[in-house]
Amino acid sequence: MYLKILKSDGSGFLEIFGANDFQAEGEGSIRLWFGTDSAIDGEKRHKDISGYVISAVDEASYNYQGAYETIGDIGVSEETELLVVSSPKYPQISKAAHTLKNETDYIGDFVFVSDQASA
């Protein structure tokens, strides 16, 4: 799932590709879950963050080109943090993020979790 989250302090956005589910845990608090097939290991699959979910979109609606353009555009935004978590369920997302990370002329920045690591 692709989530757009407004940070609770209003300082910008956190956008995430690869979340499995989320739940509002109270005023300005969200619990995220990442799937067992994701690149996040063990107990780190549950993440509590401060903010408000603005939108949630199923990643199945993205083909490679759409994911490449969306991740690329978000990555250059100065007011947005971007996290892309790899999952075999949506290989087009991982492929797009991997391509952008390897482009020497790409000026954007985002965190790409592509193996059993922590986010």
Foldseek 3Di string as FASTA:
>chain_A
DWWWWQAQVNQAIEIEAQWPDKDAPDQQKMWTAGDPQKQEDDPLRIDIHGTGTPDDDDCVVDALVRLLVVCLVQQADPRYAYEYIDGPVHVSNVVSVVVLVPDPPRPGDYHYRYHHDHD
